[in-house]
């Protein structure tokens, strides 16, 4: 498991995994998501639909590994 930083949300934005919080003064940010790769192939992408943890929490993510 590797956590990767996307300081300016450019990579997340290019994948459609960003959220625009400009109205709240925060700018474009990375959305909360989990990206699972196997041998550099995307196996699963889970994005939170809103606040809270429904599909990117540790227990849910571990079931997909």
Protein backbone atom coordinates (compact mmCIF):
# COMPACT_ATOMS: atom_id res chain seq x y z
CA UNK A 1 0.00 0.00 0.00
CA UNK A 2 1.43 3.35 -1.05
CA UNK A 3 -0.01 6.76 -0.28
CA UNK A 4 0.85 9.26 -2.99
CA UNK A 5 0.67 13.05 -2.79
CA UNK A 6 -0.91 15.10 -5.57
CA UNK A 7 -0.12 18.60 -4.30
CA UNK A 8 -1.88 20.60 -7.01
CA UNK A 9 -4.48 17.91 -7.89
CA UNK A 10 -3.24 17.87 -11.50
CA UNK A 11 -2.98 14.07 -11.71
CA UNK A 12 -6.33 13.59 -9.98
CA UNK A 13 -7.91 16.16 -12.27
CA UNK A 14 -6.59 14.37 -15.37
CA UNK A 15 -8.24 11.15 -14.10
CA UNK A 16 -11.56 12.85 -13.29
CA UNK A 17 -10.91 12.41 -9.58
CA UNK A 18 -10.84 16.02 -8.43
CA UNK A 19 -13.39 18.26 -6.80
CA UNK A 20 -13.72 22.03 -7.26
CA UNK A 21 -13.98 23.69 -3.85
CA UNK A 22 -13.19 27.19 -5.16
CA UNK A 23 -16.49 28.52 -3.87
CA UNK A 24 -15.37 27.61 -0.34
CA UNK A 25 -11.94 29.19 -0.89
CA UNK A 26 -10.06 25.90 -1.24
CA UNK A 27 -9.60 25.69 -5.02
CA UNK A 28 -9.42 22.43 -6.97
CA UNK A 29 -8.55 19.53 -4.71
CA UNK A 30 -8.09 15.82 -5.03
CA UNK A 31 -11.33 13.99 -4.23
CA UNK A 32 -11.16 11.17 -1.71
CA UNK A 33 -10.60 7.99 -3.70
CA UNK A 34 -8.86 4.64 -3.70
CA UNK A 35 -7.05 3.44 -6.81
CA UNK A 36 -5.97 -0.21 -6.81
CA UNK A 37 -3.34 -1.30 -9.32
CA UNK A 38 -2.02 -4.76 -10.13
CA UNK A 39 1.09 -4.90 -12.29
CA UNK A 40 0.44 -1.27 -13.34
CA UNK A 41 -3.11 -2.06 -14.47
CA UNK A 42 -6.08 -0.37 -12.80
CA UNK A 43 -8.10 -3.03 -11.01
CA UNK A 44 -10.48 -0.80 -9.06
CA UNK A 45 -11.31 2.88 -8.60
CA UNK A 46 -13.58 3.89 -5.74
CA UNK A 47 -14.50 7.53 -5.16
CA UNK A 48 -16.44 8.94 -2.26
CA UNK A 49 -19.70 10.47 -3.48
CA UNK A 50 -19.68 13.10 -0.74
CA UNK A 51 -18.64 13.59 2.85
CA UNK A 52 -17.90 10.63 5.06
CA UNK A 53 -16.49 7.21 4.33
CA UNK A 54 -18.71 4.79 2.49
CA UNK A 55 -16.47 3.09 -0.05
CA UNK A 56 -12.87 4.25 0.55
CA UNK A 57 -12.45 3.24 4.18
CA UNK A 58 -9.73 0.74 5.08
CA UNK A 59 -12.02 -2.23 5.70
CA UNK A 60 -13.82 -1.82 2.37
CA UNK A 61 -10.55 -1.27 0.50
CA UNK A 62 -8.90 -4.33 2.03
CA UNK A 63 -11.71 -6.56 0.75
CA UNK A 64 -10.75 -5.55 -2.80
CA UNK A 65 -7.09 -6.53 -2.50
